[in-house]
Protein backbone atom coordinates (compact mmCIF):
# COMPACT_ATOMS: atom_id res chain seq x y z
CA MET A 1 28.97 -3.28 -3.82
CA GLN A 2 26.55 -5.10 -6.13
CA PHE A 3 27.55 -6.72 -9.39
CA SER A 4 24.66 -4.98 -11.19
CA HIS A 5 26.26 -1.56 -10.55
CA LEU A 6 29.56 -2.70 -12.06
CA LYS A 7 27.77 -4.31 -15.02
CA ASN A 8 25.71 -1.19 -15.76
CA TRP A 9 28.80 1.03 -15.51
CA ILE A 10 30.74 -1.08 -18.03
CA LEU A 11 27.77 -1.28 -20.43
CA LYS A 12 27.37 2.50 -20.17
CA ASN A 13 31.00 3.05 -21.17
CA ILE A 14 31.15 0.23 -23.75
CA VAL A 15 27.92 0.26 -25.76
CA THR A 16 27.79 -2.85 -27.95
CA PRO A 17 24.99 -4.42 -30.05
CA GLN A 18 22.49 -6.45 -28.01
CA ARG A 19 23.48 -9.77 -29.63
CA ILE A 20 27.09 -9.56 -28.37
CA GLN A 21 26.50 -7.50 -25.22
CA LEU A 22 26.80 -10.40 -22.78
CA VAL A 23 29.88 -11.98 -24.32
CA SER A 24 31.68 -8.61 -24.63
CA LEU A 25 30.85 -7.80 -20.99
CA TRP A 26 32.27 -11.07 -19.70
CA TYR A 27 35.36 -10.91 -21.92
CA LEU A 28 36.14 -7.46 -20.53
CA LEU A 29 35.57 -8.68 -16.98
CA SER A 30 37.88 -11.64 -17.58
CA LEU A 31 40.63 -9.15 -18.51
CA MET A 32 39.84 -6.88 -15.56
CA VAL A 33 40.34 -9.58 -12.91
CA GLU A 34 43.60 -11.08 -11.68
CA GLU A 35 44.38 -14.26 -13.62
CA ARG A 36 47.46 -16.36 -14.12
CA LYS A 37 46.63 -16.39 -17.84
CA HIS A 38 43.86 -14.37 -19.48
CA SER A 39 42.85 -17.09 -21.91
CA LEU A 40 39.51 -17.99 -23.49
CA THR A 41 39.29 -20.87 -21.00
CA ALA A 42 39.63 -18.42 -18.09
CA ALA A 43 36.87 -16.23 -19.59
CA ALA A 44 34.61 -19.29 -19.99
CA THR A 45 35.25 -20.44 -16.40
CA LEU A 46 34.56 -16.99 -14.97
CA SER A 47 31.33 -16.47 -16.92
CA GLY A 48 29.96 -20.00 -17.17
CA MET A 49 29.65 -19.53 -20.92
CA ASN A 50 31.10 -21.76 -23.62
CA LYS A 51 34.67 -21.11 -24.78
CA SER A 52 33.57 -21.17 -28.45
CA GLN A 53 31.38 -18.10 -27.87
CA PHE A 54 34.43 -16.00 -27.03
CA SER A 55 36.38 -17.48 -29.93
CA ARG A 56 33.66 -16.49 -32.42
CA PHE A 57 33.30 -13.09 -30.75
CA LEU A 58 36.99 -12.21 -31.23
CA LYS A 59 37.17 -13.51 -34.80
CA SER A 60 33.99 -11.93 -36.15
CA HIS A 61 33.86 -8.54 -34.42
CA HIS A 62 37.35 -7.00 -34.59
CA ASN A 63 35.95 -3.81 -36.17
CA ILE A 64 33.65 -3.33 -33.18
CA ALA A 65 36.63 -3.70 -30.80
CA ILE A 66 38.54 -0.99 -32.72
CA GLN A 67 35.52 1.32 -32.71
CA LYS A 68 34.86 0.83 -28.98
CA LEU A 69 38.45 1.64 -28.02
CA ASP A 70 38.32 4.79 -30.17
CA ASN A 71 35.04 5.87 -28.52
CA LEU A 72 36.27 5.06 -25.01
CA SER A 73 39.58 6.93 -25.42
CA LYS A 74 37.69 9.99 -26.69
CA SER A 75 35.17 9.94 -23.82
CA GLN A 76 37.94 9.49 -21.22
CA ALA A 77 39.97 12.34 -22.76
CA LYS A 78 36.91 14.61 -22.65
CA GLN A 79 36.30 13.67 -19.02
CA PHE A 80 39.85 14.17 -17.75
CA GLY A 81 40.78 17.05 -20.07
CA LYS A 82 38.05 19.54 -19.19
CA VAL A 83 40.64 21.80 -17.53
CA LEU A 84 44.11 21.23 -18.93
CA LYS A 85 47.09 21.67 -16.64
CA CYS A 86 50.76 21.71 -17.54
CA LEU A 87 52.41 18.28 -17.75
CA GLN A 88 54.67 19.28 -14.84
CA ASP A 89 55.21 22.45 -12.83
CA SER A 90 58.33 23.48 -14.74
CA LEU A 91 56.87 22.77 -18.21
CA HIS A 92 54.57 24.88 -20.37
CA TRP A 93 53.24 22.02 -22.54
CA LYS A 94 49.81 20.67 -21.58
CA ILE A 95 49.43 17.54 -23.75
CA ALA A 96 52.03 14.90 -24.53
CA ILE A 97 51.70 12.50 -27.46
CA ILE A 98 54.08 9.56 -27.06
CA VAL A 99 54.84 7.06 -29.80
CA ASP A 100 56.59 3.72 -29.29
CA SER A 101 56.28 0.15 -30.55
CA THR A 102 56.07 -3.14 -28.70
CA ILE A 103 56.19 -6.78 -29.75
CA GLN A 104 53.39 -9.22 -28.96
CA HIS A 105 55.34 -12.45 -28.66
CA ARG A 106 54.11 -15.61 -30.38
CA SER A 107 55.61 -19.08 -30.19
CA THR A 108 55.69 -19.64 -33.97
CA ARG A 109 55.74 -17.76 -37.26
CA HIS A 110 52.95 -20.00 -38.56
CA THR A 111 50.30 -17.56 -37.35
CA GLU A 112 48.58 -15.09 -39.64
CA ASN A 113 50.69 -11.91 -39.97
CA GLY A 114 53.43 -13.40 -37.77
CA LYS A 115 56.91 -12.00 -38.44
CA LYS A 116 60.47 -12.10 -37.15
CA PHE A 117 61.59 -8.76 -35.70
CA ASN A 118 64.95 -7.43 -34.53
CA HIS A 119 63.72 -5.61 -31.44
CA GLY A 120 66.83 -4.47 -29.58
CA GLN A 121 68.04 -7.69 -27.98
CA GLY A 122 68.08 -10.23 -30.80
CA PHE A 123 65.28 -11.55 -32.99
CA VAL A 124 61.78 -12.20 -31.66
CA ILE A 125 58.69 -13.71 -33.32
CA GLY A 126 55.29 -12.10 -33.08
CA HIS A 127 53.20 -9.08 -34.05
CA GLN A 128 54.38 -5.48 -33.81
CA TRP A 129 52.06 -2.79 -32.49
CA THR A 130 52.91 0.92 -32.62
CA ASN A 131 51.19 2.58 -29.68
CA ILE A 132 50.16 6.22 -29.54
CA ILE A 133 49.23 7.47 -26.07
CA LEU A 134 48.07 10.82 -24.72
CA ILE A 135 49.20 12.21 -21.37
CA ILE A 136 46.53 14.57 -20.01
CA ASN A 137 46.62 15.82 -16.41
CA GLY A 138 48.74 12.79 -15.44
CA MET A 139 46.31 10.32 -17.07
CA ILE A 140 47.55 7.84 -19.70
CA ILE A 141 45.03 7.44 -22.53
CA PRO A 142 45.95 4.85 -25.18
CA LEU A 143 44.59 5.56 -28.66
CA PRO A 144 43.84 2.75 -31.14
CA PRO A 145 47.26 1.21 -31.91
CA ILE A 146 48.78 0.81 -35.37
CA PRO A 147 49.21 -2.85 -36.37
CA TYR A 148 52.19 -3.74 -38.55
CA TYR A 149 51.13 -5.77 -41.59
CA SER A 150 53.74 -7.97 -43.25
CA LYS A 151 54.11 -7.95 -47.04
CA LYS A 152 52.69 -11.49 -47.21
CA TYR A 153 49.59 -10.49 -45.21
CA CYS A 154 49.08 -7.40 -47.41
CA ASN A 155 49.32 -9.46 -50.61
CA THR A 156 46.88 -12.07 -49.29
CA ASN A 157 44.29 -9.52 -48.12
CA GLY A 158 44.66 -6.93 -50.91
CA LEU A 159 46.19 -4.25 -48.67
CA THR A 160 48.81 -1.64 -49.58
CA TYR A 161 52.07 -2.31 -47.77
CA ASN A 162 53.38 0.63 -45.71
CA THR A 163 56.37 0.96 -43.42
CA GLU A 164 55.88 1.79 -39.74
CA HIS A 165 57.03 5.39 -40.30
CA GLU A 166 54.57 5.89 -43.17
CA LEU A 167 51.74 4.60 -40.99
CA ILE A 168 52.72 7.00 -38.16
CA ILE A 169 52.76 9.97 -40.55
CA GLU A 170 49.30 9.04 -41.82
CA TYR A 171 48.09 8.65 -38.21
CA PHE A 172 49.40 12.10 -37.18
CA GLU A 173 47.89 13.77 -40.25
CA SER A 174 44.43 12.42 -39.40
CA LEU A 175 44.67 12.93 -35.62
CA ASN A 176 42.43 15.81 -34.52
CA LEU A 177 42.68 16.58 -30.80
CA LYS A 178 39.37 18.48 -30.90
CA ASP A 179 37.66 15.11 -31.39
CA TYR A 180 38.97 14.28 -27.90
CA GLY A 181 37.57 17.50 -26.41
CA LEU A 182 41.05 19.00 -26.09
CA ASN A 183 40.80 22.66 -27.01
CA CYS A 184 44.36 23.86 -26.71
CA LYS A 185 46.87 25.72 -28.85
CA PRO A 186 49.05 23.55 -31.11
CA GLN A 187 52.14 25.00 -29.37
CA GLU A 188 50.97 23.40 -26.10
CA VAL A 189 51.30 19.89 -27.58
CA ILE A 190 54.60 18.01 -27.36
CA VAL A 191 55.37 14.80 -29.27
CA LEU A 192 57.92 12.47 -27.65
CA GLY A 193 59.81 9.65 -29.32
CA ASP A 194 63.06 7.71 -29.05
CA SER A 195 65.73 7.47 -31.76
CA GLY A 196 63.73 4.82 -33.63
CA TYR A 197 61.43 7.65 -34.75
CA ASP A 198 64.18 10.08 -35.75
CA ASP A 199 62.86 10.41 -39.29
CA GLN A 200 62.70 13.66 -41.23
CA ASN A 201 59.24 12.86 -42.63
CA ILE A 202 57.80 12.19 -39.15
CA GLU A 203 59.35 15.42 -37.86
CA LYS A 204 58.00 17.36 -40.86
CA ALA A 205 54.50 15.94 -40.20
CA ILE A 206 54.71 17.15 -36.58
CA VAL A 207 55.91 20.62 -37.63
CA LYS A 208 53.10 20.80 -40.22
CA LYS A 209 50.57 20.27 -37.39
CA GLU A 210 52.34 23.15 -35.53
CA TRP A 211 53.09 20.81 -32.62
CA ASN A 212 56.41 20.69 -30.79
CA PHE A 213 58.61 17.61 -30.54
CA ILE A 214 61.39 16.21 -28.38
CA ILE A 215 63.00 13.32 -30.22
CA ALA A 216 66.21 11.43 -29.48
CA LEU A 217 68.49 11.72 -32.51
CA LYS A 218 70.61 9.02 -34.06
CA LYS A 219 74.34 9.63 -33.78
CA THR A 220 74.57 9.99 -37.56
CA ARG A 221 71.95 12.76 -37.86
CA SER A 222 73.35 15.85 -39.62
CA VAL A 223 73.40 19.26 -37.93
CA LYS A 224 74.95 22.71 -38.33
CA SER A 225 75.51 25.64 -36.04
CA LYS A 226 73.71 28.89 -36.85
CA GLU A 227 76.96 30.49 -38.03
CA GLN A 228 77.76 27.58 -40.34
CA PHE A 229 74.23 27.64 -41.76
CA LYS A 230 74.59 31.31 -42.70
CA LYS A 231 78.09 30.99 -44.23
CA THR A 232 77.85 27.69 -46.12
CA ARG A 233 75.67 26.34 -48.89
CA LYS A 234 72.53 24.37 -48.16
CA ASN A 235 73.99 20.93 -48.95
CA GLU A 236 77.52 21.46 -47.65
CA ASN A 237 79.40 21.12 -44.36
CA TRP A 238 76.79 19.13 -42.45
CA THR A 239 78.27 17.28 -39.45
CA GLN A 240 76.99 14.21 -37.63
CA ILE A 241 75.68 15.26 -34.23
CA ALA A 242 78.01 12.97 -32.23
CA GLU A 243 81.00 14.35 -34.12
CA PHE A 244 79.73 17.92 -33.72
CA PHE A 245 79.65 17.74 -29.91
CA ARG A 246 83.02 15.99 -29.94
CA THR A 247 84.62 18.86 -31.88
CA HIS A 248 82.84 21.60 -29.90
CA ARG A 249 84.24 20.87 -26.47
CA TRP A 250 84.32 24.56 -25.70
CA LEU A 251 80.58 24.22 -24.99
CA LYS A 252 80.43 24.07 -21.20
CA TRP A 253 78.82 21.19 -19.31
CA GLN A 254 75.82 22.23 -17.26
CA THR A 255 74.65 20.14 -14.29
CA ILE A 256 70.89 19.58 -14.09
CA HIS A 257 69.14 18.05 -11.06
CA ILE A 258 65.79 16.37 -11.73
CA SER A 259 63.65 15.10 -8.84
CA VAL A 260 62.36 11.55 -9.29
CA ASN A 261 60.25 11.08 -6.17
CA ARG A 262 59.19 14.13 -4.18
CA HIS A 263 58.21 12.15 -1.07
CA LYS A 264 61.51 10.23 -0.86
CA LYS A 265 63.47 13.25 -2.13
CA LYS A 266 65.26 11.21 -4.78
CA ARG A 267 66.84 12.92 -7.74
CA MET A 268 68.82 12.22 -10.89
CA ASP A 269 71.85 14.28 -11.87
CA PHE A 270 72.65 14.92 -15.52
CA ARG A 271 75.26 16.98 -17.25
CA THR A 272 74.36 18.59 -20.54
CA ARG A 273 75.70 20.64 -23.41
CA HIS A 274 73.26 22.47 -25.63
CA PHE A 275 73.11 24.99 -28.46
CA LYS A 276 70.72 26.37 -31.06
CA GLY A 277 71.48 24.92 -34.45
CA HIS A 278 69.94 23.56 -37.61
CA LEU A 279 68.70 20.01 -38.05
CA ARG A 280 68.99 18.89 -41.65
CA TYR A 281 65.69 19.01 -43.58
CA ILE A 282 63.84 20.41 -40.53
CA GLY A 283 65.18 23.83 -39.60
CA GLU A 284 66.28 25.59 -36.44
CA VAL A 285 66.06 23.52 -33.25
CA LEU A 286 67.56 23.32 -29.80
CA LEU A 287 70.07 20.45 -29.62
CA VAL A 288 71.03 18.83 -26.30
CA CYS A 289 73.75 16.31 -25.46
CA SER A 290 73.17 14.68 -22.06
CA GLU A 291 74.58 11.90 -19.90
CA PHE A 292 74.42 10.78 -16.26
CA LYS A 293 76.81 12.91 -14.23
CA LYS A 294 77.94 10.14 -11.85
CA ARG A 295 78.07 7.44 -14.55
CA PRO A 296 79.74 8.95 -17.62
CA ASP A 297 80.05 5.64 -19.48
CA GLY A 298 79.82 7.11 -22.97
CA ARG A 299 76.07 6.41 -23.39
CA ARG A 300 75.03 9.88 -24.39
CA LYS A 301 71.61 10.99 -25.55
CA TYR A 302 71.26 13.55 -28.32
CA LEU A 303 67.91 15.32 -28.16
CA ALA A 304 66.29 17.78 -30.56
CA CYS A 305 63.42 20.13 -29.72
CA ASN A 306 61.80 22.54 -32.18
CA ASP A 307 60.41 24.71 -29.35
CA LEU A 308 63.11 27.38 -29.24
CA LYS A 309 61.68 28.86 -26.01
CA ALA A 310 62.42 25.64 -24.09
CA THR A 311 65.46 25.26 -21.84
CA ALA A 312 67.78 22.25 -21.63
CA ARG A 313 66.23 21.38 -18.27
CA GLN A 314 62.70 21.44 -19.71
CA ILE A 315 63.78 19.24 -22.62
CA LEU A 316 65.24 16.62 -20.25
CA ILE A 317 62.15 16.65 -18.01
CA GLY A 318 59.90 16.46 -21.06
CA TYR A 319 61.80 13.53 -22.53
CA ARG A 320 61.58 11.63 -19.22
CA ILE A 321 57.76 11.71 -19.58
CA ARG A 322 58.28 9.34 -22.53
CA TRP A 323 58.89 6.59 -19.95
CA SER A 324 55.10 6.57 -19.31
CA ILE A 325 54.59 4.46 -22.43
CA GLU A 326 57.06 1.86 -21.13
CA THR A 327 55.01 1.70 -17.91
CA PHE A 328 51.87 1.27 -20.00
CA HIS A 329 53.46 -1.63 -21.94
CA LYS A 330 54.50 -3.29 -18.69
CA LYS A 331 51.00 -3.08 -17.18
CA VAL A 332 49.12 -4.47 -20.18
CA LYS A 333 51.59 -7.34 -20.51
CA MET A 334 51.88 -8.26 -16.83
CA PHE A 335 48.32 -7.71 -15.60
CA LEU A 336 45.91 -7.62 -18.56
CA GLY A 337 47.03 -10.52 -20.72
CA PHE A 338 48.28 -8.56 -23.75
CA GLU A 339 50.27 -11.60 -24.90
CA ASP A 340 47.82 -14.27 -23.66
CA VAL A 341 46.33 -14.94 -27.07
CA ALA A 342 46.53 -18.34 -28.77
CA THR A 343 44.88 -18.03 -32.15
CA TRP A 344 45.99 -18.29 -35.76
CA ASN A 345 43.58 -15.64 -37.09
CA PHE A 346 44.95 -12.07 -36.91
CA ASN A 347 41.45 -10.55 -36.62
CA SER A 348 41.13 -12.34 -33.28
CA VAL A 349 44.51 -10.94 -32.20
CA GLN A 350 43.37 -7.42 -33.14
CA SER A 351 40.15 -7.81 -31.18
CA HIS A 352 42.03 -9.09 -28.11
CA VAL A 353 44.54 -6.20 -28.12
CA HIS A 354 41.83 -3.54 -28.42
CA TRP A 355 39.73 -5.10 -25.63
CA VAL A 356 42.87 -5.23 -23.45
CA TYR A 357 43.32 -1.47 -23.93
CA CYS A 358 39.63 -0.92 -23.14
CA ALA A 359 40.08 -2.91 -19.91
CA TYR A 360 43.11 -0.74 -19.04
CA LEU A 361 41.11 2.48 -19.52
CA LEU A 362 38.20 1.17 -17.46
CA LEU A 363 40.45 0.11 -14.58
CA GLU A 364 42.32 3.43 -14.60
CA ALA A 365 39.04 5.37 -14.63
CA GLY A 366 38.02 3.73 -11.35
CA PRO A 367 35.10 1.29 -11.60
CA PRO A 368 32.29 1.34 -8.97
CA GLY A 369 33.48 -0.38 -5.82
CA VAL A 370 37.14 0.54 -6.43
CA THR A 371 38.13 3.50 -4.25
CA SER A 372 40.30 6.35 -5.50
CA LYS A 373 42.96 5.34 -2.95
CA THR A 374 43.47 2.03 -4.78
CA LYS A 375 46.36 2.76 -7.15
CA SER A 376 47.82 -0.69 -7.72
CA MET A 377 46.51 -2.53 -10.80
CA VAL A 378 46.54 -5.84 -8.89
CA GLU A 379 44.42 -4.43 -6.05
CA LYS A 380 41.88 -3.07 -8.54
CA GLN A 381 41.65 -6.48 -10.22
CA GLN A 382 41.22 -8.24 -6.88
CA LYS A 383 38.33 -5.94 -5.95
CA ILE A 384 36.63 -6.60 -9.30
CA ARG A 385 36.92 -10.34 -8.64
CA LYS A 386 35.34 -9.92 -5.18
CA ILE A 387 32.39 -8.10 -6.76
CA ILE A 388 31.95 -10.92 -9.29
CA GLY A 389 32.27 -13.48 -6.46
CA SER A 390 29.55 -11.76 -4.46
CA LYS A 391 27.23 -12.10 -7.50
CA LYS A 392 27.80 -15.87 -7.60
CA ILE A 393 27.16 -16.21 -3.86
CA SER A 394 23.90 -14.22 -4.14
CA ASN A 395 22.82 -16.45 -7.06
CA GLU A 396 23.44 -19.56 -4.95
CA ILE A 397 21.43 -18.13 -2.04
CA GLN A 398 18.61 -17.34 -4.45
CA ILE A 399 18.62 -20.94 -5.77
CA LEU A 400 18.51 -22.34 -2.20
CA THR A 401 15.37 -20.31 -1.40
CA GLN A 402 13.51 -21.89 -4.32
CA ILE A 403 11.49 -25.13 -4.21
CA ASN A 404 13.91 -28.10 -4.39
CA GLY A 405 16.70 -25.57 -3.96
CA LYS A 406 19.26 -28.09 -2.73
CA GLU A 407 18.82 -30.31 -5.79
CA SER A 408 18.99 -27.29 -8.15
CA LEU A 409 22.22 -26.10 -6.49
CA LYS A 410 23.75 -29.57 -6.81
CA ASN A 411 22.93 -29.59 -10.52
CA GLU A 412 24.47 -26.11 -10.93
CA LEU A 413 27.67 -27.26 -9.21
CA LYS A 414 27.87 -30.37 -11.41
CA ARG A 415 27.52 -28.24 -14.55
CA ALA A 416 30.24 -25.86 -13.29
CA LEU A 417 32.61 -28.77 -12.64
CA GLN A 418 31.97 -30.13 -16.14
CA VAL A 419 32.80 -26.73 -17.70
CA ALA A 420 36.00 -26.49 -15.61
């Protein structure tokens, strides 16, 4: 496999202006190979270019990075979504939109737009990114993420401060799946989110788009049974969902078996209670209370789905698809250097994150020289490095065949050692 084929394939998928074509190519390649740390130094060592070129590239061209990720996600969706299949055999939805946030850790708050977040297990310092991904025919396609801007950053840069939920609502309102070549009925789209996105305005925005949703509810969310909704006034007799299931123990537990791995025949056993009721401010939904059957430790999930044709089993299977975004977060952090950014300027951070997502899409699409059997991210990165290594070896052979080739090669090696 020649390096020129890989280079042409990347430049075909990521079309950048001529003046930054080379630096963008090598920055992407530095993210697509296996590295202990995907830093600017690593990119400079791999390419033989100066570190300052990559620094200027990230700082000055963050809008291009955002645009290229948007274009790449649309082209990949059009490629893999030509014939839409159901998300799983037992489900009737064809497209999943998953929303979840992740923290990009930084060592200090003295970086532009740095903030202290309470992210589950204590406070962490860094930048928050809300990721929106599409699941199409088993393919994960990350869309341009939503950056969280602190109030200080908004005041300094003349921006309007918005909460994360307000930004998500605005994102959903402007999201048109036809731009991604996905011609499907709105009822075939399912939006998945954990309890952090149990917000009436987000749910109303989803309903307005005529999409379906499966969202984990907070224990304090108010519900009513259908009978109560008919007999009582609109603002009376609402019950918190945890209390409702506690007082309606006559609802029978139903055991649901969900296969985890078909080849190893592993499965997970849940027990559920469910009923059709009314979710406050939203309307009629199917409500499910579930827990592990063999480990009833009180950690129950309360799920709401506005698709009244769905069954409790389909809701559980659908919600488990949400774990795909956690897998995506793990891959970009472990293998693609999502957090390997050491810069004060937030524009550089934005550029880095969007190029990381571009590198993820390119690796998942299967670059030339990477066979379809190669599923591991590490193996794909190792093959990319071999292709780049073969280019360097061919360059050295070419230098040796020239007049005074030995002296020229010695000078090349000296320059490489000085850069390192």
